Amino acid sequence: MQYIWMAIKGIFIGISNIIPGVSGGTMAVSFGIYDDVIHAFTHLRKEVKPSLKILIPLVIGALIGVAGFSIIIEWLLASHTLLTAFAFVGLILGGLPILMKSFKKSLETEDKTVGPLHIILFIIFFMIVAWMGVAEVAGGGVQSVSLGIGPLLALFFVGLISAAAMVIPGVSGSLLMLIIGYYYAVIYTINGFTESLSNLDIDALIPFTILLISYALGMVVGIILISKVIDYLFKTQPGYTYASILGLVMASPIAVVSNTEALNDLQGSGAVLRLVGALALAGACYALTYGLGRTKDSTEAIPEESKPVSDQ
């Protein structure tokens, strides 16, 4: 049953990566598994069995979430934007009690109280995500990329940045790529690879494959590097790390509502009724996240002495 709970959390994390402004890292934080997942990534070689017990059901669930719900989520965002956005706001905020508990426990372990630096870090990271939520992003149509050293290096670094967005709570990978102007270039590359593969067009498939490999390598390097940095911070400065994550998570609802343009649904007659329904759904999703966050899952496999101090 523990693996099933982890797979269910993985499904929600996978779905969240489809929503503009929502970060998979945010959902992992909300479910109370973020630091353990980071630990599993960074200790895969040293703690193979417990790490795989976490990562396998999580990845399976995430793949199900992305592949199985992408069409449904696209329809929900188009037809029921307000309800969908507020549902994810509730899912995100439902993890705050667990996150606050971890923050308080980290302060107790370090024998510290909330200080100016905790507050400054909270405000800085809150403002970063809030700015990303309202920033004018680089848009436009499809951008093509050709095979060459320049495009390969660019896609590698975009993959590295995308990986950081996947790992860091509150930061949406698709939104970040829009801001730096490479979202459509990546989409073009992925679609070109898929189309040439389905048509068995080898001449087109080879360059698209090379471009996609460059992007994928950037993502792998990014996940490894960022995970190691965050795991180090959890172990050495857990209080400051949790204060920063609190800022990222609490600003996430701003990014979700802004990027989905959910408040546009409050125009016209029946706006009050729609808002009440959205708030009720957000409350239900808040309770769902809080309940899932308290379930025992495969993160219990991590050796107690190896966990971050706030989890021990």
Protein backbone atom coordinates (compact mmCIF):
# COMPACT_ATOMS: atom_id res chain seq x y z
CA MET A 1 0.00 0.00 0.00
CA GLN A 2 2.93 2.35 0.69
CA TYR A 3 4.03 2.09 -2.95
CA ILE A 4 0.49 2.78 -4.17
CA TRP A 5 0.36 6.00 -2.11
CA MET A 6 3.70 7.07 -3.60
CA ALA A 7 2.44 6.30 -7.13
CA ILE A 8 -0.71 8.37 -6.47
CA LYS A 9 1.44 11.30 -5.33
CA GLY A 10 3.54 10.79 -8.47
CA ILE A 11 0.40 11.06 -10.61
CA PHE A 12 -0.43 14.45 -9.10
CA ILE A 13 3.19 15.57 -9.56
CA GLY A 14 3.05 14.51 -13.23
CA ILE A 15 -0.24 16.34 -13.79
CA SER A 16 1.14 19.47 -12.12
CA ASN A 17 3.93 19.68 -14.70
CA ILE A 18 1.27 20.21 -17.38
CA ILE A 19 -0.31 23.19 -15.62
CA PRO A 20 1.19 26.61 -16.43
CA GLY A 21 2.80 28.07 -13.35
CA VAL A 22 2.69 24.83 -11.35
CA SER A 23 5.91 23.07 -10.37
CA GLY A 24 6.29 19.35 -9.77
CA GLY A 25 8.65 20.29 -6.96
CA THR A 26 5.86 22.31 -5.34
CA MET A 27 3.55 19.32 -5.31
CA ALA A 28 6.31 17.13 -3.85
CA VAL A 29 6.70 19.68 -1.06
CA SER A 30 2.95 19.78 -0.50
CA PHE A 31 2.85 15.99 -0.15
CA GLY A 32 5.71 16.07 2.36
CA ILE A 33 8.07 13.96 0.23
CA TYR A 34 10.28 16.61 -1.37
CA ASP A 35 13.40 16.29 0.79
CA ASP A 36 13.20 12.48 0.75
CA VAL A 37 12.90 12.42 -3.06
CA ILE A 38 15.93 14.72 -3.36
CA HIS A 39 17.77 12.40 -0.96
CA ALA A 40 16.83 9.37 -3.06
CA PHE A 41 18.22 11.01 -6.23
CA THR A 42 21.50 11.99 -4.59
CA HIS A 43 22.03 8.73 -2.68
CA LEU A 44 20.99 6.31 -5.43
CA ARG A 45 24.42 4.65 -5.58
CA LYS A 46 24.94 4.45 -1.81
CA GLU A 47 21.37 3.47 -0.90
CA VAL A 48 20.19 1.68 -4.04
CA LYS A 49 17.29 -0.34 -2.59
CA PRO A 50 15.60 2.35 -0.44
CA SER A 51 16.11 4.96 -3.16
CA LEU A 52 14.52 2.77 -5.84
CA LYS A 53 11.59 2.04 -3.52
CA ILE A 54 10.87 5.78 -3.65
CA LEU A 55 11.80 6.62 -7.23
CA ILE A 56 10.21 3.70 -9.12
CA PRO A 57 6.59 4.19 -7.93
CA LEU A 58 7.03 7.98 -8.07
CA VAL A 59 8.29 7.95 -11.68
CA ILE A 60 5.61 5.45 -12.76
CA GLY A 61 2.93 7.65 -11.22
CA ALA A 62 4.39 10.80 -12.80
CA LEU A 63 4.43 9.18 -16.26
CA ILE A 64 0.80 8.10 -15.80
CA GLY A 65 -0.06 11.64 -14.74
CA VAL A 66 1.58 13.24 -17.79
CA ALA A 67 0.48 10.69 -20.40
CA GLY A 68 -2.94 9.81 -18.99
CA PHE A 69 -4.22 13.21 -17.96
CA SER A 70 -2.65 15.69 -20.41
CA ILE A 71 -5.71 15.69 -22.69
CA ILE A 72 -8.13 15.91 -19.73
CA ILE A 73 -6.17 18.74 -18.13
CA GLU A 74 -6.01 20.61 -21.45
CA TRP A 75 -9.81 20.35 -21.72
CA LEU A 76 -10.32 21.37 -18.09
CA LEU A 77 -8.08 24.42 -18.49
CA ALA A 78 -9.95 25.45 -21.64
CA SER A 79 -13.49 24.78 -20.39
CA HIS A 80 -13.28 25.13 -16.60
CA THR A 81 -10.25 27.36 -16.05
CA LEU A 82 -11.29 28.87 -12.72
CA LEU A 83 -12.17 25.52 -11.12
CA THR A 84 -9.01 23.84 -12.41
CA ALA A 85 -6.71 26.64 -11.26
CA PHE A 86 -8.31 26.84 -7.80
CA ALA A 87 -8.12 23.06 -7.47
CA PHE A 88 -4.34 23.24 -7.88
CA VAL A 89 -4.14 26.21 -5.54
CA GLY A 90 -5.85 24.04 -2.92
CA LEU A 91 -3.53 21.12 -3.66
CA ILE A 92 -0.50 23.38 -3.21
CA LEU A 93 -1.66 25.11 -0.03
CA GLY A 94 -2.73 21.82 1.54
CA GLY A 95 0.93 21.00 2.11
CA LEU A 96 1.66 24.15 4.11
CA PRO A 97 0.88 22.63 7.56
CA ILE A 98 3.35 19.80 6.91
CA LEU A 99 5.93 22.22 5.51
CA MET A 100 5.54 24.54 8.52
CA LYS A 101 5.96 21.56 10.83
CA SER A 102 9.22 20.60 9.08
CA PHE A 103 10.40 24.22 9.29
CA LYS A 104 9.70 24.42 13.03
CA LYS A 105 11.37 21.05 13.60
CA SER A 106 14.48 22.19 11.71
CA LEU A 107 14.66 25.30 13.91
CA GLU A 108 14.36 23.18 17.04
CA THR A 109 17.09 20.83 15.81
CA GLU A 110 19.41 23.77 15.11
CA ASP A 111 18.36 25.41 18.39
CA LYS A 112 17.38 28.58 16.54
CA THR A 113 14.37 30.89 16.31
CA VAL A 114 13.03 32.71 13.27
CA GLY A 115 15.53 35.47 12.50
CA PRO A 116 15.97 38.29 9.97
CA LEU A 117 17.73 36.03 7.44
CA HIS A 118 14.83 33.55 7.47
CA ILE A 119 12.41 36.40 6.73
CA ILE A 120 14.66 37.92 4.03
CA LEU A 121 15.03 34.55 2.26
CA PHE A 122 11.27 33.98 2.45
CA ILE A 123 10.57 37.40 0.88
CA ILE A 124 13.22 37.04 -1.85
CA PHE A 125 12.00 33.66 -3.05
CA PHE A 126 8.35 34.69 -2.71
CA MET A 127 9.03 37.69 -4.96
CA ILE A 128 10.90 35.57 -7.53
CA VAL A 129 7.93 33.24 -8.08
CA ALA A 130 5.39 36.08 -7.87
CA TRP A 131 7.36 37.97 -10.54
CA MET A 132 7.47 34.90 -12.77
CA GLY A 133 3.70 34.66 -12.39
CA VAL A 134 3.04 38.14 -13.76
CA ALA A 135 6.08 38.65 -16.02
CA GLU A 136 5.63 39.28 -19.72
CA VAL A 137 7.04 36.12 -21.28
CA ALA A 138 8.71 35.69 -24.63
CA GLY A 139 6.04 34.33 -26.92
CA GLY A 140 5.45 34.06 -30.60
CA GLY A 141 5.02 31.14 -32.89
CA VAL A 142 7.04 28.02 -33.53
CA GLN A 143 10.77 28.60 -33.48
CA SER A 144 12.84 26.16 -35.53
CA VAL A 145 16.33 25.03 -34.55
CA SER A 146 18.96 23.63 -36.89
CA LEU A 147 21.76 21.20 -36.16
CA GLY A 148 24.99 22.94 -35.10
CA ILE A 149 27.27 23.64 -32.15
CA GLY A 150 25.35 26.77 -31.15
CA PRO A 151 21.87 25.18 -31.04
CA LEU A 152 23.24 22.05 -29.32
CA LEU A 153 24.86 24.09 -26.55
CA ALA A 154 21.75 26.26 -26.23
CA LEU A 155 19.46 23.23 -25.86
CA PHE A 156 21.86 21.68 -23.35
CA PHE A 157 21.71 24.78 -21.13
CA VAL A 158 17.94 25.08 -21.61
CA GLY A 159 17.65 21.45 -20.49
CA LEU A 160 19.82 22.22 -17.48
CA ILE A 161 17.61 25.20 -16.55
CA SER A 162 14.45 23.14 -17.12
CA ALA A 163 15.75 20.47 -14.76
CA ALA A 164 16.39 23.11 -12.10
CA ALA A 165 12.79 24.25 -12.52
CA MET A 166 11.57 20.66 -12.10
CA VAL A 167 13.53 20.24 -8.87
CA ILE A 168 13.05 23.69 -7.31
CA PRO A 169 9.58 24.16 -5.77
CA GLY A 170 7.46 26.99 -7.10
CA VAL A 171 9.23 27.29 -10.46
CA SER A 172 7.36 26.12 -13.56
CA GLY A 173 9.64 24.65 -16.21
CA SER A 174 7.43 25.60 -19.16
CA LEU A 175 7.02 29.15 -17.84
CA LEU A 176 10.78 29.52 -17.34
CA MET A 177 11.44 28.40 -20.92
CA LEU A 178 8.88 30.93 -22.14
CA ILE A 179 10.64 33.70 -20.21
CA ILE A 180 14.05 32.87 -21.70
CA GLY A 181 12.49 32.43 -25.15
CA TYR A 182 13.15 28.74 -25.80
CA TYR A 183 9.78 27.12 -25.07
CA TYR A 184 8.71 26.87 -28.70
CA ALA A 185 12.18 25.76 -29.82
CA VAL A 186 11.97 22.78 -27.45
CA ILE A 187 8.38 22.01 -28.51
CA TYR A 188 9.45 22.21 -32.17
CA THR A 189 12.29 19.75 -31.51
CA ILE A 190 10.08 17.28 -29.65
CA ASN A 191 7.30 17.44 -32.25
CA GLY A 192 9.83 17.12 -35.09
CA PHE A 193 11.32 14.01 -33.47
CA THR A 194 7.87 12.44 -32.93
CA GLU A 195 6.68 13.21 -36.46
CA SER A 196 9.84 11.96 -38.18
CA LEU A 197 9.79 8.80 -36.04
CA SER A 198 6.15 8.06 -36.87
CA ASN A 199 6.87 8.60 -40.60
CA LEU A 200 10.17 6.64 -40.38
CA ASP A 201 11.89 9.63 -42.00
CA ILE A 202 15.49 8.76 -41.10
CA ASP A 203 16.99 11.86 -42.74
CA ALA A 204 14.88 14.12 -40.50
CA LEU A 205 15.02 11.81 -37.48
CA ILE A 206 18.82 11.93 -37.06
CA PRO A 207 19.20 15.71 -36.51
CA PHE A 208 16.10 15.88 -34.29
CA THR A 209 17.44 12.96 -32.23
CA ILE A 210 20.81 14.67 -31.75
CA LEU A 211 19.11 17.92 -30.70
CA LEU A 212 16.83 16.07 -28.29
CA ILE A 213 19.76 14.15 -26.78
CA SER A 214 21.52 17.45 -26.10
CA TYR A 215 18.42 18.76 -24.30
CA ALA A 216 18.01 15.49 -22.36
CA LEU A 217 21.68 15.49 -21.27
CA GLY A 218 21.22 19.02 -19.95
CA MET A 219 18.22 17.87 -17.95
CA VAL A 220 20.09 14.90 -16.45
CA VAL A 221 23.08 17.07 -15.46
CA GLY A 222 20.74 19.73 -14.07
CA ILE A 223 18.77 17.27 -11.94
CA ILE A 224 21.96 15.73 -10.51
CA LEU A 225 23.63 19.08 -9.76
CA ILE A 226 20.59 20.85 -8.32
CA SER A 227 19.56 17.80 -6.28
CA LYS A 228 23.03 17.59 -4.73
CA VAL A 229 22.98 21.30 -3.86
CA ILE A 230 19.51 21.09 -2.28
CA ASP A 231 20.36 17.88 -0.42
CA TYR A 232 23.48 19.60 0.98
CA LEU A 233 21.40 22.61 2.06
CA PHE A 234 18.84 20.37 3.79
CA LYS A 235 21.62 18.74 5.77
CA THR A 236 23.65 21.84 6.65
CA GLN A 237 21.14 24.73 6.68
CA PRO A 238 17.66 23.15 6.98
CA GLY A 239 16.05 26.20 8.60
CA TYR A 240 17.12 28.63 5.89
CA THR A 241 16.28 26.06 3.20
CA TYR A 242 12.74 25.57 4.49
CA ALA A 243 12.26 29.34 4.84
CA SER A 244 13.21 29.74 1.16
CA ILE A 245 10.91 26.89 0.09
CA LEU A 246 8.05 28.41 2.09
CA GLY A 247 8.44 31.60 0.05
CA LEU A 248 8.46 29.64 -3.22
CA VAL A 249 5.38 27.59 -2.32
CA MET A 250 3.29 30.44 -0.89
CA ALA A 251 3.81 32.49 -4.06
CA SER A 252 2.85 29.57 -6.32
CA PRO A 253 -0.92 30.30 -6.21
CA ILE A 254 -0.18 33.74 -7.71
CA ALA A 255 1.67 32.09 -10.60
CA VAL A 256 -1.08 29.50 -11.14
CA VAL A 257 -3.96 32.00 -11.20
CA SER A 258 -2.02 34.50 -13.31
CA ASN A 259 -0.72 32.09 -15.95
CA THR A 260 -4.02 30.31 -16.42
CA GLU A 261 -5.87 33.68 -16.50
CA ALA A 262 -8.42 32.01 -14.25
CA LEU A 263 -9.93 35.26 -12.96
CA ASN A 264 -11.27 36.00 -16.44
CA ASP A 265 -13.99 33.46 -15.64
CA LEU A 266 -15.36 35.84 -12.99
CA GLN A 267 -16.70 38.20 -15.62
CA GLY A 268 -20.41 38.29 -16.41
CA SER A 269 -23.42 36.91 -14.57
CA GLY A 270 -23.02 34.12 -12.03
CA ALA A 271 -19.49 35.23 -11.11
CA VAL A 272 -20.16 35.02 -7.36
CA LEU A 273 -21.55 31.49 -7.65
CA ARG A 274 -18.56 30.39 -9.73
CA LEU A 275 -16.17 31.90 -7.17
CA VAL A 276 -17.92 30.12 -4.28
CA GLY A 277 -17.73 26.83 -6.18
CA ALA A 278 -14.03 27.37 -6.95
CA LEU A 279 -13.26 28.17 -3.31
CA ALA A 280 -15.17 25.06 -2.17
CA LEU A 281 -13.18 22.91 -4.62
CA ALA A 282 -9.94 24.51 -3.43
CA GLY A 283 -10.89 23.62 0.15
CA ALA A 284 -11.59 20.02 -0.84
CA CYS A 285 -8.23 19.78 -2.65
CA TYR A 286 -6.52 21.35 0.37
CA ALA A 287 -7.93 18.53 2.51
CA LEU A 288 -6.88 15.95 -0.10
CA THR A 289 -3.25 17.12 -0.11
CA TYR A 290 -3.15 17.33 3.66
CA GLY A 291 -4.53 13.78 3.91
CA LEU A 292 -2.13 12.38 1.30
CA GLY A 293 0.77 14.14 3.00
CA ARG A 294 0.05 12.24 6.22
CA THR A 295 -0.07 8.79 4.59
CA LYS A 296 2.83 6.40 5.02
CA ASP A 297 4.59 5.84 1.73
CA SER A 298 7.87 4.44 0.40
CA THR A 299 9.88 7.36 1.84
CA GLU A 300 9.84 5.28 5.03
CA ALA A 301 12.49 3.13 3.31
CA ILE A 302 15.19 5.78 3.83
CA PRO A 303 17.45 4.90 6.80
CA GLU A 304 16.57 7.16 9.75
CA GLU A 305 20.15 8.27 10.34
CA SER A 306 20.48 9.28 6.69
CA LYS A 307 17.43 11.55 6.57
CA PRO A 308 17.55 15.35 6.78
CA VAL A 309 17.59 16.52 10.42
CA SER A 310 14.03 17.89 10.19
CA ASP A 311 12.73 14.42 9.25
CA GLN A 312 14.51 12.47 11.99
